[in-house]
N, C-alpha and C. Protein backbone atom coordinates (compact mmCIF):
# COMPACT_ATOMS: atom_id res chain seq x y z
N MET A 1 -36.99 94.93 0.19
CA MET A 1 -36.40 93.78 0.84
C MET A 1 -34.96 94.14 1.18
N ASN A 2 -34.60 93.90 2.44
CA ASN A 2 -33.24 94.25 2.84
C ASN A 2 -32.24 93.15 2.47
N ALA A 3 -30.98 93.45 2.63
CA ALA A 3 -29.90 92.52 2.22
C ALA A 3 -29.95 91.23 3.02
N SER A 4 -30.31 91.30 4.28
CA SER A 4 -30.37 90.11 5.12
C SER A 4 -31.46 89.15 4.63
N ALA A 5 -32.60 89.67 4.27
CA ALA A 5 -33.70 88.84 3.77
C ALA A 5 -33.31 88.21 2.44
N ARG A 6 -32.68 88.98 1.55
CA ARG A 6 -32.24 88.44 0.26
C ARG A 6 -31.21 87.31 0.46
N SER A 7 -30.29 87.52 1.37
CA SER A 7 -29.28 86.48 1.65
C SER A 7 -29.93 85.21 2.18
N THR A 8 -30.92 85.37 3.05
CA THR A 8 -31.63 84.21 3.59
C THR A 8 -32.36 83.46 2.49
N ILE A 9 -33.00 84.17 1.60
CA ILE A 9 -33.73 83.54 0.49
C ILE A 9 -32.75 82.81 -0.44
N ILE A 10 -31.62 83.42 -0.73
CA ILE A 10 -30.63 82.79 -1.61
C ILE A 10 -30.08 81.52 -0.97
N VAL A 11 -29.75 81.56 0.31
CA VAL A 11 -29.24 80.39 1.02
C VAL A 11 -30.30 79.29 1.05
N LEU A 12 -31.53 79.64 1.36
CA LEU A 12 -32.62 78.67 1.40
C LEU A 12 -32.83 78.03 0.03
N PHE A 13 -32.85 78.84 -1.01
CA PHE A 13 -33.01 78.32 -2.38
C PHE A 13 -31.85 77.39 -2.73
N SER A 14 -30.64 77.75 -2.35
CA SER A 14 -29.47 76.92 -2.64
C SER A 14 -29.55 75.57 -1.93
N VAL A 15 -29.94 75.58 -0.67
CA VAL A 15 -30.05 74.34 0.10
C VAL A 15 -31.13 73.45 -0.51
N ILE A 16 -32.27 74.00 -0.84
CA ILE A 16 -33.35 73.23 -1.45
C ILE A 16 -32.90 72.65 -2.79
N SER A 17 -32.19 73.41 -3.59
CA SER A 17 -31.70 72.93 -4.88
C SER A 17 -30.72 71.78 -4.71
N ILE A 18 -29.81 71.91 -3.76
CA ILE A 18 -28.84 70.84 -3.51
C ILE A 18 -29.55 69.58 -3.03
N LEU A 19 -30.50 69.72 -2.12
CA LEU A 19 -31.25 68.55 -1.64
C LEU A 19 -32.03 67.90 -2.78
N PHE A 20 -32.64 68.70 -3.63
CA PHE A 20 -33.38 68.15 -4.77
C PHE A 20 -32.45 67.36 -5.68
N LEU A 21 -31.31 67.92 -6.01
CA LEU A 21 -30.36 67.22 -6.88
C LEU A 21 -29.83 65.95 -6.22
N PHE A 22 -29.58 65.99 -4.91
CA PHE A 22 -29.10 64.81 -4.20
C PHE A 22 -30.13 63.69 -4.26
N PHE A 23 -31.38 64.00 -3.92
CA PHE A 23 -32.41 62.96 -3.91
C PHE A 23 -32.75 62.49 -5.32
N LYS A 24 -32.68 63.36 -6.29
CA LYS A 24 -32.91 62.95 -7.67
C LYS A 24 -31.82 62.00 -8.13
N SER A 25 -30.60 62.19 -7.67
CA SER A 25 -29.50 61.31 -8.07
C SER A 25 -29.62 59.93 -7.42
N CYS A 26 -30.43 59.79 -6.38
CA CYS A 26 -30.62 58.51 -5.70
C CYS A 26 -31.76 57.69 -6.29
N VAL A 27 -32.50 58.26 -7.23
CA VAL A 27 -33.60 57.55 -7.86
C VAL A 27 -33.05 56.73 -9.02
N ILE A 28 -33.41 55.45 -9.03
CA ILE A 28 -32.94 54.57 -10.10
C ILE A 28 -34.10 54.38 -11.07
N HIS A 29 -33.90 54.87 -12.27
CA HIS A 29 -34.94 54.79 -13.29
C HIS A 29 -34.31 54.36 -14.61
N ASN A 30 -34.79 53.26 -15.14
CA ASN A 30 -34.33 52.76 -16.43
C ASN A 30 -32.81 52.62 -16.49
N PRO A 31 -32.24 51.76 -15.63
CA PRO A 31 -30.77 51.62 -15.63
C PRO A 31 -30.25 51.03 -16.93
N LYS A 32 -29.02 51.35 -17.25
CA LYS A 32 -28.33 50.84 -18.45
C LYS A 32 -27.13 50.00 -17.99
N PRO A 33 -26.78 48.95 -18.73
CA PRO A 33 -25.65 48.11 -18.32
C PRO A 33 -24.35 48.88 -18.14
N ASP A 34 -24.10 49.87 -18.98
CA ASP A 34 -22.85 50.62 -18.87
C ASP A 34 -22.85 51.63 -17.73
N GLU A 35 -23.98 51.76 -17.03
CA GLU A 35 -24.08 52.64 -15.87
C GLU A 35 -24.09 51.84 -14.58
N CYS A 36 -23.62 50.59 -14.65
CA CYS A 36 -23.65 49.69 -13.49
C CYS A 36 -22.26 49.17 -13.15
N GLU A 37 -22.11 48.83 -11.89
CA GLU A 37 -20.94 48.09 -11.45
C GLU A 37 -21.33 46.62 -11.44
N VAL A 38 -20.48 45.76 -11.95
CA VAL A 38 -20.76 44.33 -12.00
C VAL A 38 -20.03 43.66 -10.83
N VAL A 39 -20.80 42.92 -10.04
CA VAL A 39 -20.27 42.28 -8.84
C VAL A 39 -20.61 40.80 -8.89
N SER A 40 -19.65 39.96 -8.52
CA SER A 40 -19.90 38.53 -8.35
C SER A 40 -19.88 38.23 -6.86
N ALA A 41 -20.86 37.44 -6.40
CA ALA A 41 -20.94 37.12 -4.98
C ALA A 41 -21.72 35.83 -4.79
N LYS A 42 -21.41 35.13 -3.72
CA LYS A 42 -22.13 33.91 -3.38
C LYS A 42 -23.31 34.26 -2.48
N VAL A 43 -24.51 33.85 -2.87
CA VAL A 43 -25.73 34.13 -2.10
C VAL A 43 -25.86 33.09 -1.00
N ILE A 44 -25.97 33.57 0.26
CA ILE A 44 -26.11 32.63 1.38
C ILE A 44 -27.52 32.65 1.99
N SER A 45 -28.32 33.68 1.66
CA SER A 45 -29.72 33.68 2.12
C SER A 45 -30.54 34.62 1.26
N ILE A 46 -31.83 34.30 1.19
CA ILE A 46 -32.79 35.11 0.44
C ILE A 46 -34.00 35.29 1.34
N ARG A 47 -34.53 36.52 1.36
CA ARG A 47 -35.72 36.76 2.19
C ARG A 47 -36.54 37.90 1.61
N GLU A 48 -37.76 37.97 2.08
CA GLU A 48 -38.62 39.09 1.69
C GLU A 48 -38.23 40.30 2.51
N GLY A 49 -38.09 41.43 1.85
CA GLY A 49 -37.79 42.68 2.54
C GLY A 49 -39.04 43.53 2.62
N SER A 50 -38.86 44.78 2.95
CA SER A 50 -40.00 45.69 3.03
C SER A 50 -40.51 46.01 1.62
N THR A 51 -41.73 46.42 1.53
CA THR A 51 -42.41 46.81 0.29
C THR A 51 -42.21 45.80 -0.84
N PHE A 52 -42.33 44.51 -0.51
CA PHE A 52 -42.27 43.42 -1.49
C PHE A 52 -40.89 43.28 -2.16
N ASP A 53 -39.86 43.86 -1.55
CA ASP A 53 -38.51 43.68 -2.06
C ASP A 53 -38.05 42.25 -1.79
N ILE A 54 -37.06 41.81 -2.55
CA ILE A 54 -36.40 40.53 -2.28
C ILE A 54 -34.95 40.85 -1.96
N GLN A 55 -34.50 40.40 -0.79
CA GLN A 55 -33.15 40.69 -0.33
C GLN A 55 -32.27 39.45 -0.45
N PHE A 56 -31.05 39.68 -0.90
CA PHE A 56 -30.06 38.63 -1.07
C PHE A 56 -28.86 38.97 -0.20
N LYS A 57 -28.53 38.09 0.73
CA LYS A 57 -27.35 38.29 1.57
C LYS A 57 -26.23 37.44 0.98
N THR A 58 -25.04 38.02 0.91
CA THR A 58 -23.90 37.32 0.32
C THR A 58 -22.92 36.87 1.39
N ASP A 59 -21.97 36.05 0.98
CA ASP A 59 -20.96 35.55 1.90
C ASP A 59 -20.02 36.64 2.41
N THR A 60 -20.10 37.82 1.83
CA THR A 60 -19.30 38.95 2.31
C THR A 60 -20.13 39.87 3.22
N ASP A 61 -21.29 39.39 3.63
CA ASP A 61 -22.23 40.12 4.51
C ASP A 61 -22.87 41.34 3.86
N ASN A 62 -22.78 41.46 2.55
CA ASN A 62 -23.50 42.52 1.86
C ASN A 62 -24.93 42.05 1.60
N VAL A 63 -25.86 43.00 1.58
CA VAL A 63 -27.25 42.70 1.26
C VAL A 63 -27.64 43.55 0.06
N TYR A 64 -28.14 42.88 -0.97
CA TYR A 64 -28.60 43.53 -2.19
C TYR A 64 -30.08 43.23 -2.33
N TYR A 65 -30.79 44.02 -3.13
CA TYR A 65 -32.23 43.80 -3.23
C TYR A 65 -32.75 44.01 -4.65
N ILE A 66 -33.84 43.30 -4.95
CA ILE A 66 -34.62 43.55 -6.16
C ILE A 66 -35.84 44.33 -5.71
N ASN A 67 -35.94 45.55 -6.18
CA ASN A 67 -37.02 46.43 -5.78
C ASN A 67 -38.37 45.85 -6.21
N ARG A 68 -39.24 45.65 -5.23
CA ARG A 68 -40.60 45.13 -5.47
C ARG A 68 -40.59 43.84 -6.29
N GLY A 69 -39.59 43.01 -6.03
CA GLY A 69 -39.43 41.77 -6.77
C GLY A 69 -40.63 40.85 -6.69
N LEU A 70 -41.27 40.78 -5.52
CA LEU A 70 -42.44 39.91 -5.38
C LEU A 70 -43.61 40.42 -6.21
N GLU A 71 -43.72 41.73 -6.34
CA GLU A 71 -44.78 42.31 -7.19
C GLU A 71 -44.51 42.08 -8.67
N GLN A 72 -43.25 41.81 -9.01
CA GLN A 72 -42.87 41.60 -10.40
C GLN A 72 -42.97 40.13 -10.81
N GLY A 73 -43.51 39.31 -9.92
CA GLY A 73 -43.73 37.91 -10.26
C GLY A 73 -42.63 36.96 -9.85
N LEU A 74 -41.61 37.47 -9.17
CA LEU A 74 -40.55 36.57 -8.69
C LEU A 74 -41.05 35.82 -7.46
N ASN A 75 -40.51 34.62 -7.25
CA ASN A 75 -40.95 33.74 -6.18
C ASN A 75 -39.75 33.35 -5.33
N LEU A 76 -39.88 33.45 -4.01
CA LEU A 76 -38.76 33.15 -3.12
C LEU A 76 -38.31 31.69 -3.24
N ASP A 77 -39.25 30.75 -3.32
CA ASP A 77 -38.88 29.34 -3.44
C ASP A 77 -38.10 29.07 -4.73
N SER A 78 -38.57 29.64 -5.81
CA SER A 78 -37.90 29.47 -7.10
C SER A 78 -36.50 30.09 -7.08
N LEU A 79 -36.39 31.28 -6.51
CA LEU A 79 -35.09 31.94 -6.41
C LEU A 79 -34.13 31.15 -5.52
N ASN A 80 -34.65 30.60 -4.42
CA ASN A 80 -33.81 29.77 -3.56
C ASN A 80 -33.21 28.61 -4.34
N ALA A 81 -34.03 27.97 -5.15
CA ALA A 81 -33.55 26.82 -5.94
C ALA A 81 -32.51 27.24 -6.97
N LYS A 82 -32.65 28.45 -7.51
CA LYS A 82 -31.77 28.89 -8.59
C LYS A 82 -30.47 29.53 -8.12
N VAL A 83 -30.50 30.25 -6.98
CA VAL A 83 -29.32 31.05 -6.63
C VAL A 83 -28.72 30.77 -5.25
N LEU A 84 -29.44 30.11 -4.36
CA LEU A 84 -28.91 29.89 -3.01
C LEU A 84 -27.63 29.05 -3.06
N ASN A 85 -26.62 29.53 -2.38
CA ASN A 85 -25.29 28.91 -2.30
C ASN A 85 -24.59 28.84 -3.66
N LYS A 86 -24.97 29.73 -4.55
CA LYS A 86 -24.31 29.83 -5.86
C LYS A 86 -23.71 31.22 -6.02
N THR A 87 -22.71 31.31 -6.87
CA THR A 87 -22.13 32.61 -7.19
C THR A 87 -22.96 33.25 -8.29
N VAL A 88 -23.41 34.46 -8.03
CA VAL A 88 -24.25 35.20 -8.97
C VAL A 88 -23.49 36.41 -9.50
N THR A 89 -23.94 36.91 -10.63
CA THR A 89 -23.42 38.15 -11.18
C THR A 89 -24.51 39.20 -11.06
N LEU A 90 -24.17 40.30 -10.39
CA LEU A 90 -25.13 41.37 -10.15
C LEU A 90 -24.70 42.63 -10.89
N HIS A 91 -25.65 43.30 -11.50
CA HIS A 91 -25.41 44.63 -12.07
C HIS A 91 -26.06 45.62 -11.10
N LEU A 92 -25.25 46.51 -10.53
CA LEU A 92 -25.70 47.47 -9.53
C LEU A 92 -25.55 48.88 -10.09
N PRO A 93 -26.65 49.63 -10.26
CA PRO A 93 -26.55 50.99 -10.79
C PRO A 93 -25.61 51.86 -9.94
N ILE A 94 -24.81 52.64 -10.63
CA ILE A 94 -23.88 53.55 -9.96
C ILE A 94 -24.58 54.89 -9.76
N LEU A 95 -24.63 55.32 -8.51
CA LEU A 95 -25.22 56.61 -8.16
C LEU A 95 -24.11 57.63 -7.94
N THR A 96 -24.47 58.81 -7.55
CA THR A 96 -23.51 59.89 -7.35
C THR A 96 -22.38 59.49 -6.40
N PHE A 97 -22.71 58.74 -5.36
CA PHE A 97 -21.72 58.42 -4.33
C PHE A 97 -21.25 56.97 -4.39
N GLY A 98 -21.44 56.30 -5.53
CA GLY A 98 -20.97 54.92 -5.67
C GLY A 98 -22.11 53.99 -6.06
N PRO A 99 -21.81 52.69 -6.11
CA PRO A 99 -22.84 51.74 -6.53
C PRO A 99 -23.93 51.58 -5.47
N SER A 100 -25.14 51.33 -5.94
CA SER A 100 -26.25 51.10 -5.02
C SER A 100 -26.28 49.63 -4.64
N THR A 101 -27.21 49.26 -3.80
CA THR A 101 -27.44 47.85 -3.48
C THR A 101 -28.65 47.32 -4.23
N HIS A 102 -29.18 48.14 -5.11
CA HIS A 102 -30.32 47.80 -5.96
C HIS A 102 -29.83 46.92 -7.12
N ILE A 103 -30.47 45.78 -7.31
CA ILE A 103 -30.07 44.87 -8.38
C ILE A 103 -30.83 45.22 -9.65
N ALA A 104 -30.08 45.61 -10.69
CA ALA A 104 -30.69 45.88 -11.99
C ALA A 104 -30.73 44.60 -12.83
N GLN A 105 -29.75 43.72 -12.58
CA GLN A 105 -29.75 42.42 -13.28
C GLN A 105 -29.07 41.38 -12.39
N LEU A 106 -29.65 40.18 -12.40
CA LEU A 106 -29.14 39.04 -11.63
C LEU A 106 -28.99 37.87 -12.57
N ALA A 107 -27.79 37.27 -12.58
CA ALA A 107 -27.54 36.13 -13.46
C ALA A 107 -26.75 35.06 -12.70
N VAL A 108 -26.97 33.81 -13.11
CA VAL A 108 -26.21 32.67 -12.60
C VAL A 108 -25.71 31.91 -13.82
N ASP A 109 -24.39 31.70 -13.89
CA ASP A 109 -23.80 30.97 -15.02
C ASP A 109 -24.28 31.52 -16.37
N ASN A 110 -24.27 32.80 -16.53
CA ASN A 110 -24.70 33.49 -17.76
C ASN A 110 -26.18 33.32 -18.09
N ASN A 111 -26.96 32.75 -17.17
CA ASN A 111 -28.42 32.68 -17.34
C ASN A 111 -29.04 33.82 -16.55
N ILE A 112 -29.72 34.72 -17.26
CA ILE A 112 -30.32 35.87 -16.60
C ILE A 112 -31.59 35.43 -15.88
N ILE A 113 -31.60 35.66 -14.57
CA ILE A 113 -32.73 35.31 -13.71
C ILE A 113 -33.70 36.50 -13.64
N PHE A 114 -33.13 37.70 -13.59
CA PHE A 114 -33.93 38.92 -13.48
C PHE A 114 -33.17 40.06 -14.16
N THR A 115 -33.90 40.91 -14.86
CA THR A 115 -33.27 42.10 -15.46
C THR A 115 -34.26 43.25 -15.56
N GLU A 116 -33.74 44.44 -15.41
CA GLU A 116 -34.49 45.67 -15.63
C GLU A 116 -34.05 46.33 -16.94
N PHE A 117 -33.06 45.76 -17.58
CA PHE A 117 -32.54 46.36 -18.82
C PHE A 117 -33.54 46.15 -19.95
N GLU A 118 -33.71 47.20 -20.70
CA GLU A 118 -34.59 47.12 -21.87
C GLU A 118 -33.82 46.50 -23.02
N ASN A 119 -34.51 45.75 -23.84
CA ASN A 119 -33.85 45.11 -25.00
C ASN A 119 -33.69 46.07 -26.13
């Protein structure tokens, strides 16, 4: 194998490794409270997103989501009654490049509505 082929293999392996690490860092699995950014925001709308997600739009035009929330037994009508036009506390897992928009925990007035945290 000549030097050019070895260099190409090394570069290709390096790029694949970097991509693997990048995508692995974007996967949220078993979040912990101390690995989250805590955000307070007023919810102005709730809707179903793709793949059974539940999306929450805030008064600052940010959109956060509960991954597969509808599959987890959450109900849009019930959530509307509990959080619409109220200030909520969100725990957002911190990824390599900052906080995600994935909701690990949602609370209103210290009442936890949804959580992924293990007890």
